[in-house]
Amino acid sequence: MSDNISAEQLRLLIERIERLEEEKKAMADDIKDVYAEAKATGFDTKTMRTIVRLRKMEKHHRDEAEMLLETYKAALGLA
């Protein structure tokens, strides 16, 4: 009996994952569309992606990353 319950539980979990994967793909497609719209309007999407990534970071992590970038640029004569 527990094998049937385990198999049923596994099937339900797999189906949930499949639905979530479909939703994730739909969301990714929507995001891609927004970036395409931004590009068509004249915005630089690479910079927008960087801004989105930076906004996800906590301030101290963002400050650390910016400090490292400036250090590396200075070491390479880019600053």
PDB file of N, CA and C in Angstrom:
ATOM      1  N   MET A   1       0.826  -1.195   0.000  1.00  0.00           N
ATOM      2  CA  MET A   1       0.000   0.000   0.000  1.00  0.00           C
ATOM      3  C   MET A   1       0.870   1.258   0.000  1.00  0.00           C
ATOM      4  N   SER A   2       1.948   1.266   0.792  1.00  0.00           N
ATOM      5  CA  SER A   2       2.786   2.472   0.856  1.00  0.00           C
ATOM      6  C   SER A   2       3.492   2.724  -0.470  1.00  0.00           C
ATOM      7  N   ASP A   3       3.744   1.670  -1.267  1.00  0.00           N
ATOM      8  CA  ASP A   3       4.336   1.865  -2.590  1.00  0.00           C
ATOM      9  C   ASP A   3       3.387   2.643  -3.494  1.00  0.00           C
ATOM     10  N   ASN A   4       2.097   2.339  -3.394  1.00  0.00           N
ATOM     11  CA  ASN A   4       1.101   3.061  -4.197  1.00  0.00           C
ATOM     12  C   ASN A   4       1.031   4.515  -3.774  1.00  0.00           C
ATOM     13  N   ILE A   5       1.067   4.748  -2.475  1.00  0.00           N
ATOM     14  CA  ILE A   5       1.012   6.121  -1.971  1.00  0.00           C
ATOM     15  C   ILE A   5       2.270   6.868  -2.394  1.00  0.00           C
ATOM     16  N   SER A   6       3.422   6.248  -2.281  1.00  0.00           N
ATOM     17  CA  SER A   6       4.668   6.886  -2.674  1.00  0.00           C
ATOM     18  C   SER A   6       4.686   7.180  -4.164  1.00  0.00           C
ATOM     19  N   ALA A   7       4.222   6.252  -4.963  1.00  0.00           N
ATOM     20  CA  ALA A   7       4.179   6.450  -6.411  1.00  0.00           C
ATOM     21  C   ALA A   7       3.231   7.591  -6.757  1.00  0.00           C
ATOM     22  N   GLU A   8       2.088   7.648  -6.097  1.00  0.00           N
ATOM     23  CA  GLU A   8       1.117   8.712  -6.342  1.00  0.00           C
ATOM     24  C   GLU A   8       1.699  10.062  -5.915  1.00  0.00           C
ATOM     25  N   GLN A   9       2.342  10.087  -4.759  1.00  0.00           N
ATOM     26  CA  GLN A   9       2.959  11.329  -4.279  1.00  0.00           C
ATOM     27  C   GLN A   9       4.049  11.787  -5.246  1.00  0.00           C
ATOM     28  N   LEU A  10       4.860  10.856  -5.718  1.00  0.00           N
ATOM     29  CA  LEU A  10       5.915  11.173  -6.678  1.00  0.00           C
ATOM     30  C   LEU A  10       5.319  11.734  -7.968  1.00  0.00           C
ATOM     31  N   ARG A  11       4.265  11.099  -8.477  1.00  0.00           N
ATOM     32  CA  ARG A  11       3.610  11.558  -9.692  1.00  0.00           C
ATOM     33  C   ARG A  11       3.094  12.983  -9.519  1.00  0.00           C
ATOM     34  N   LEU A  12       2.472  13.271  -8.387  1.00  0.00           N
ATOM     35  CA  LEU A  12       1.946  14.609  -8.123  1.00  0.00           C
ATOM     36  C   LEU A  12       3.065  15.648  -8.045  1.00  0.00           C
ATOM     37  N   LEU A  13       4.161  15.272  -7.411  1.00  0.00           N
ATOM     38  CA  LEU A  13       5.301  16.193  -7.326  1.00  0.00           C
ATOM     39  C   LEU A  13       5.882  16.474  -8.705  1.00  0.00           C
ATOM     40  N   ILE A  14       6.033  15.441  -9.505  1.00  0.00           N
ATOM     41  CA  ILE A  14       6.555  15.603 -10.864  1.00  0.00           C
ATOM     42  C   ILE A  14       5.636  16.501 -11.679  1.00  0.00           C
ATOM     43  N   GLU A  15       4.340  16.296 -11.575  1.00  0.00           N
ATOM     44  CA  GLU A  15       3.384  17.124 -12.310  1.00  0.00           C
ATOM     45  C   GLU A  15       3.454  18.582 -11.868  1.00  0.00           C
ATOM     46  N   ARG A  16       3.634  18.814 -10.563  1.00  0.00           N
ATOM     47  CA  ARG A  16       3.789  20.197 -10.073  1.00  0.00           C
ATOM     48  C   ARG A  16       5.039  20.835 -10.656  1.00  0.00           C
ATOM     49  N   ILE A  17       6.124  20.080 -10.666  1.00  0.00           N
ATOM     50  CA  ILE A  17       7.381  20.597 -11.223  1.00  0.00           C
ATOM     51  C   ILE A  17       7.203  20.928 -12.697  1.00  0.00           C
ATOM     52  N   GLU A  18       6.534  20.044 -13.429  1.00  0.00           N
ATOM     53  CA  GLU A  18       6.300  20.288 -14.855  1.00  0.00           C
ATOM     54  C   GLU A  18       5.483  21.559 -15.076  1.00  0.00           C
ATOM     55  N   ARG A  19       4.448  21.761 -14.270  1.00  0.00           N
ATOM     56  CA  ARG A  19       3.638  22.987 -14.398  1.00  0.00           C
ATOM     57  C   ARG A  19       4.482  24.221 -14.086  1.00  0.00           C
ATOM     58  N   LEU A  20       5.295  24.130 -13.043  1.00  0.00           N
ATOM     59  CA  LEU A  20       6.148  25.269 -12.687  1.00  0.00           C
ATOM     60  C   LEU A  20       7.180  25.559 -13.772  1.00  0.00           C
ATOM     61  N   GLU A  21       7.712  24.518 -14.387  1.00  0.00           N
ATOM     62  CA  GLU A  21       8.663  24.703 -15.497  1.00  0.00           C
ATOM     63  C   GLU A  21       7.986  25.416 -16.671  1.00  0.00           C
ATOM     64  N   GLU A  22       6.732  25.053 -16.946  1.00  0.00           N
ATOM     65  CA  GLU A  22       5.981  25.727 -18.010  1.00  0.00           C
ATOM     66  C   GLU A  22       5.775  27.200 -17.667  1.00  0.00           C
ATOM     67  N   GLU A  23       5.428  27.471 -16.409  1.00  0.00           N
ATOM     68  CA  GLU A  23       5.235  28.858 -15.975  1.00  0.00           C
ATOM     69  C   GLU A  23       6.543  29.636 -16.060  1.00  0.00           C
ATOM     70  N   LYS A  24       7.642  28.984 -15.685  1.00  0.00           N
ATOM     71  CA  LYS A  24       8.953  29.627 -15.736  1.00  0.00           C
ATOM     72  C   LYS A  24       9.309  29.997 -17.173  1.00  0.00           C
ATOM     73  N   LYS A  25       9.021  29.102 -18.107  1.00  0.00           N
ATOM     74  CA  LYS A  25       9.303  29.394 -19.516  1.00  0.00           C
ATOM     75  C   LYS A  25       8.439  30.551 -20.005  1.00  0.00           C
ATOM     76  N   ALA A  26       7.178  30.559 -19.608  1.00  0.00           N
ATOM     77  CA  ALA A  26       6.284  31.645 -20.005  1.00  0.00           C
ATOM     78  C   ALA A  26       6.793  32.978 -19.447  1.00  0.00           C
ATOM     79  N   MET A  27       7.257  32.967 -18.201  1.00  0.00           N
ATOM     80  CA  MET A  27       7.810  34.186 -17.592  1.00  0.00           C
ATOM     81  C   MET A  27       9.065  34.630 -18.336  1.00  0.00           C
ATOM     82  N   ALA A  28       9.938  33.685 -18.662  1.00  0.00           N
ATOM     83  CA  ALA A  28      11.165  34.018 -19.392  1.00  0.00           C
ATOM     84  C   ALA A  28      10.827  34.623 -20.747  1.00  0.00           C
ATOM     85  N   ASP A  29       9.809  34.088 -21.403  1.00  0.00           N
ATOM     86  CA  ASP A  29       9.371  34.641 -22.688  1.00  0.00           C
ATOM     87  C   ASP A  29       8.843  36.061 -22.514  1.00  0.00           C
ATOM     88  N   ASP A  30       8.096  36.297 -21.430  1.00  0.00           N
ATOM     89  CA  ASP A  30       7.574  37.637 -21.154  1.00  0.00           C
ATOM     90  C   ASP A  30       8.712  38.624 -20.905  1.00  0.00           C
ATOM     91  N   ILE A  31       9.716  38.202 -20.148  1.00  0.00           N
ATOM     92  CA  ILE A  31      10.867  39.063 -19.869  1.00  0.00           C
ATOM     93  C   ILE A  31      11.603  39.378 -21.170  1.00  0.00           C
ATOM     94  N   LYS A  32      11.769  38.365 -22.006  1.00  0.00           N
ATOM     95  CA  LYS A  32      12.424  38.563 -23.300  1.00  0.00           C
ATOM     96  C   LYS A  32      11.661  39.589 -24.133  1.00  0.00           C
ATOM     97  N   ASP A  33      10.342  39.513 -24.100  1.00  0.00           N
ATOM     98  CA  ASP A  33       9.513  40.474 -24.830  1.00  0.00           C
ATOM     99  C   ASP A  33       9.701  41.896 -24.311  1.00  0.00           C
ATOM    100  N   VAL A  34       9.806  42.049 -22.996  1.00  0.00           N
ATOM    101  CA  VAL A  34       9.996  43.379 -22.416  1.00  0.00           C
ATOM    102  C   VAL A  34      11.352  43.943 -22.838  1.00  0.00           C
ATOM    103  N   TYR A  35      12.394  43.112 -22.823  1.00  0.00           N
ATOM    104  CA  TYR A  35      13.706  43.579 -23.281  1.00  0.00           C
ATOM    105  C   TYR A  35      13.669  43.954 -24.764  1.00  0.00           C
ATOM    106  N   ALA A  36      12.936  43.193 -25.570  1.00  0.00           N
ATOM    107  CA  ALA A  36      12.803  43.519 -26.996  1.00  0.00           C
ATOM    108  C   ALA A  36      12.082  44.857 -27.174  1.00  0.00           C
ATOM    109  N   GLU A  37      11.069  45.089 -26.373  1.00  0.00           N
ATOM    110  CA  GLU A  37      10.348  46.365 -26.415  1.00  0.00           C
ATOM    111  C   GLU A  37      11.283  47.510 -26.018  1.00  0.00           C
ATOM    112  N   ALA A  38      12.072  47.286 -24.969  1.00  0.00           N
ATOM    113  CA  ALA A  38      13.011  48.314 -24.519  1.00  0.00           C
ATOM    114  C   ALA A  38      14.039  48.617 -25.610  1.00  0.00           C
ATOM    115  N   LYS A  39      14.534  47.572 -26.263  1.00  0.00           N
ATOM    116  CA  LYS A  39      15.514  47.760 -27.339  1.00  0.00           C
ATOM    117  C   LYS A  39      14.889  48.529 -28.499  1.00  0.00           C
ATOM    118  N   ALA A  40      13.659  48.198 -28.841  1.00  0.00           N
ATOM    119  CA  ALA A  40      12.972  48.887 -29.932  1.00  0.00           C
ATOM    120  C   ALA A  40      12.740  50.359 -29.615  1.00  0.00           C
ATOM    121  N   THR A  41      12.658  50.672 -28.324  1.00  0.00           N
ATOM    122  CA  THR A  41      12.450  52.046 -27.892  1.00  0.00           C
ATOM    123  C   THR A  41      13.768  52.817 -27.838  1.00  0.00           C
ATOM    124  N   GLY A  42      14.890  52.089 -27.949  1.00  0.00           N
ATOM    125  CA  GLY A  42      16.185  52.750 -27.973  1.00  0.00           C
ATOM    126  C   GLY A  42      17.020  52.558 -26.725  1.00  0.00           C
ATOM    127  N   PHE A  43      16.547  51.759 -25.773  1.00  0.00           N
ATOM    128  CA  PHE A  43      17.321  51.505 -24.571  1.00  0.00           C
ATOM    129  C   PHE A  43      18.361  50.425 -24.819  1.00  0.00           C
ATOM    130  N   ASP A  44      19.471  50.504 -24.095  1.00  0.00           N
ATOM    131  CA  ASP A  44      20.529  49.504 -24.180  1.00  0.00           C
ATOM    132  C   ASP A  44      20.185  48.363 -23.216  1.00  0.00           C
ATOM    133  N   THR A  45      19.846  47.206 -23.769  1.00  0.00           N
ATOM    134  CA  THR A  45      19.370  46.105 -22.939  1.00  0.00           C
ATOM    135  C   THR A  45      20.480  45.478 -22.104  1.00  0.00           C
ATOM    136  N   LYS A  46      21.706  45.524 -22.582  1.00  0.00           N
ATOM    137  CA  LYS A  46      22.813  44.989 -21.787  1.00  0.00           C
ATOM    138  C   LYS A  46      22.957  45.791 -20.497  1.00  0.00           C
ATOM    139  N   THR A  47      22.858  47.100 -20.608  1.00  0.00           N
ATOM    140  CA  THR A  47      22.939  47.954 -19.423  1.00  0.00           C
ATOM    141  C   THR A  47      21.732  47.730 -18.524  1.00  0.00           C
ATOM    142  N   MET A  48      20.573  47.548 -19.122  1.00  0.00           N
ATOM    143  CA  MET A  48      19.375  47.284 -18.322  1.00  0.00           C
ATOM    144  C   MET A  48      19.516  45.981 -17.537  1.00  0.00           C
ATOM    145  N   ARG A  49      20.068  44.961 -18.175  1.00  0.00           N
ATOM    146  CA  ARG A  49      20.267  43.685 -17.473  1.00  0.00           C
ATOM    147  C   ARG A  49      21.230  43.862 -16.305  1.00  0.00           C
ATOM    148  N   THR A  50      22.263  44.676 -16.508  1.00  0.00           N
ATOM    149  CA  THR A  50      23.209  44.951 -15.431  1.00  0.00           C
ATOM    150  C   THR A  50      22.510  45.657 -14.273  1.00  0.00           C
ATOM    151  N   ILE A  51      21.669  46.625 -14.594  1.00  0.00           N
ATOM    152  CA  ILE A  51      20.938  47.351 -13.557  1.00  0.00           C
ATOM    153  C   ILE A  51      20.009  46.408 -12.789  1.00  0.00           C
ATOM    154  N   VAL A  52      19.313  45.542 -13.499  1.00  0.00           N
ATOM    155  CA  VAL A  52      18.426  44.582 -12.843  1.00  0.00           C
ATOM    156  C   VAL A  52      19.232  43.693 -11.899  1.00  0.00           C
ATOM    157  N   ARG A  53      20.397  43.216 -12.371  1.00  0.00           N
ATOM    158  CA  ARG A  53      21.255  42.366 -11.530  1.00  0.00           C
ATOM    159  C   ARG A  53      21.726  43.129 -10.298  1.00  0.00           C
ATOM    160  N   LEU A  54      22.136  44.387 -10.480  1.00  0.00           N
ATOM    161  CA  LEU A  54      22.618  45.191  -9.359  1.00  0.00           C
ATOM    162  C   LEU A  54      21.508  45.470  -8.348  1.00  0.00           C
ATOM    163  N   ARG A  55      20.307  45.705  -8.827  1.00  0.00           N
ATOM    164  CA  ARG A  55      19.193  46.002  -7.917  1.00  0.00           C
ATOM    165  C   ARG A  55      18.823  44.803  -7.063  1.00  0.00           C
ATOM    166  N   LYS A  56      19.162  43.599  -7.523  1.00  0.00           N
ATOM    167  CA  LYS A  56      18.890  42.396  -6.735  1.00  0.00           C
ATOM    168  C   LYS A  56      19.876  42.249  -5.579  1.00  0.00           C
ATOM    169  N   MET A  57      21.030  42.888  -5.703  1.00  0.00           N
ATOM    170  CA  MET A  57      22.094  42.735  -4.709  1.00  0.00           C
ATOM    171  C   MET A  57      21.850  43.627  -3.497  1.00  0.00           C
ATOM    172  N   GLU A  58      22.300  43.158  -2.348  1.00  0.00           N
ATOM    173  CA  GLU A  58      22.290  44.014  -1.168  1.00  0.00           C
ATOM    174  C   GLU A  58      23.343  45.092  -1.359  1.00  0.00           C
ATOM    175  N   LYS A  59      23.130  46.249  -0.720  1.00  0.00           N
ATOM    176  CA  LYS A  59      23.996  47.390  -0.936  1.00  0.00           C
ATOM    177  C   LYS A  59      25.458  47.074  -0.639  1.00  0.00           C
ATOM    178  N   HIS A  60      25.736  46.383   0.440  1.00  0.00           N
ATOM    179  CA  HIS A  60      27.143  46.110   0.766  1.00  0.00           C
ATOM    180  C   HIS A  60      27.797  45.185  -0.260  1.00  0.00           C
ATOM    181  N   HIS A  61      27.042  44.260  -0.834  1.00  0.00           N
ATOM    182  CA  HIS A  61      27.591  43.406  -1.892  1.00  0.00           C
ATOM    183  C   HIS A  61      27.817  44.205  -3.178  1.00  0.00           C
ATOM    184  N   ARG A  62      26.881  45.106  -3.470  1.00  0.00           N
ATOM    185  CA  ARG A  62      27.020  45.960  -4.639  1.00  0.00           C
ATOM    186  C   ARG A  62      28.231  46.880  -4.491  1.00  0.00           C
ATOM    187  N   ASP A  63      28.404  47.466  -3.298  1.00  0.00           N
ATOM    188  CA  ASP A  63      29.552  48.341  -3.041  1.00  0.00           C
ATOM    189  C   ASP A  63      30.864  47.572  -3.184  1.00  0.00           C
ATOM    190  N   GLU A  64      30.887  46.340  -2.666  1.00  0.00           N
ATOM    191  CA  GLU A  64      32.089  45.512  -2.763  1.00  0.00           C
ATOM    192  C   GLU A  64      32.418  45.186  -4.224  1.00  0.00           C
ATOM    193  N   ALA A  65      31.397  44.840  -4.998  1.00  0.00           N
ATOM    194  CA  ALA A  65      31.613  44.508  -6.409  1.00  0.00           C
ATOM    195  C   ALA A  65      32.114  45.728  -7.175  1.00  0.00           C
ATOM    196  N   GLU A  66      31.546  46.897  -6.898  1.00  0.00           N
ATOM    197  CA  GLU A  66      31.975  48.121  -7.575  1.00  0.00           C
ATOM    198  C   GLU A  66      33.408  48.483  -7.192  1.00  0.00           C
ATOM    199  N   MET A  67      33.774  48.282  -5.922  1.00  0.00           N
ATOM    200  CA  MET A  67      35.134  48.561  -5.466  1.00  0.00           C
ATOM    201  C   MET A  67      36.131  47.627  -6.168  1.00  0.00           C
ATOM    202  N   LEU A  68      35.778  46.350  -6.268  1.00  0.00           N
ATOM    203  CA  LEU A  68      36.657  45.395  -6.956  1.00  0.00           C
ATOM    204  C   LEU A  68      36.812  45.754  -8.431  1.00  0.00           C
ATOM    205  N   LEU A  69      35.715  46.137  -9.072  1.00  0.00           N
ATOM    206  CA  LEU A  69      35.773  46.528 -10.473  1.00  0.00           C
ATOM    207  C   LEU A  69      36.705  47.724 -10.652  1.00  0.00           C
ATOM    208  N   GLU A  70      36.584  48.729  -9.791  1.00  0.00           N
ATOM    209  CA  GLU A  70      37.455  49.901  -9.878  1.00  0.00           C
ATOM    210  C   GLU A  70      38.918  49.523  -9.633  1.00  0.00           C
ATOM    211  N   THR A  71      39.161  48.618  -8.690  1.00  0.00           N
ATOM    212  CA  THR A  71      40.518  48.155  -8.410  1.00  0.00           C
ATOM    213  C   THR A  71      41.108  47.459  -9.627  1.00  0.00           C
ATOM    214  N   TYR A  72      40.351  46.585 -10.251  1.00  0.00           N
ATOM    215  CA  TYR A  72      40.809  45.848 -11.419  1.00  0.00           C
ATOM    216  C   TYR A  72      41.036  46.802 -12.598  1.00  0.00           C
ATOM    217  N   LYS A  73      40.118  47.745 -12.791  1.00  0.00           N
ATOM    218  CA  LYS A  73      40.281  48.707 -13.866  1.00  0.00           C
ATOM    219  C   LYS A  73      41.546  49.533 -13.670  1.00  0.00           C
ATOM    220  N   ALA A  74      41.805  49.963 -12.453  1.00  0.00           N
ATOM    221  CA  ALA A  74      42.992  50.740 -12.158  1.00  0.00           C
ATOM    222  C   ALA A  74      44.249  49.919 -12.415  1.00  0.00           C
ATOM    223  N   ALA A  75      44.220  48.653 -12.027  1.00  0.00           N
ATOM    224  CA  ALA A  75      45.381  47.783 -12.230  1.00  0.00           C
ATOM    225  C   ALA A  75      45.682  47.587 -13.722  1.00  0.00           C
ATOM    226  N   LEU A  76      44.651  47.653 -14.554  1.00  0.00           N
ATOM    227  CA  LEU A  76      44.808  47.454 -15.992  1.00  0.00           C
ATOM    228  C   LEU A  76      44.917  48.770 -16.752  1.00  0.00           C
ATOM    229  N   GLY A  77      44.942  49.886 -16.022  1.00  0.00           N
ATOM    230  CA  GLY A  77      45.082  51.182 -16.660  1.00  0.00           C
ATOM    231  C   GLY A  77      43.819  51.659 -17.359  1.00  0.00           C
ATOM    232  N   LEU A  78      42.674  51.163 -16.935  1.00  0.00           N
ATOM    233  CA  LEU A  78      41.412  51.565 -17.552  1.00  0.00           C
ATOM    234  C   LEU A  78      40.711  52.684 -16.805  1.00  0.00           C
ATOM    235  N   ALA A  79      41.215  53.018 -15.626  1.00  0.00           N
ATOM    236  CA  ALA A  79      40.545  54.035 -14.809  1.00  0.00           C
ATOM    237  C   ALA A  79      41.176  55.391 -15.021  1.00  0.00           C
TER     238      ALA A  79
END
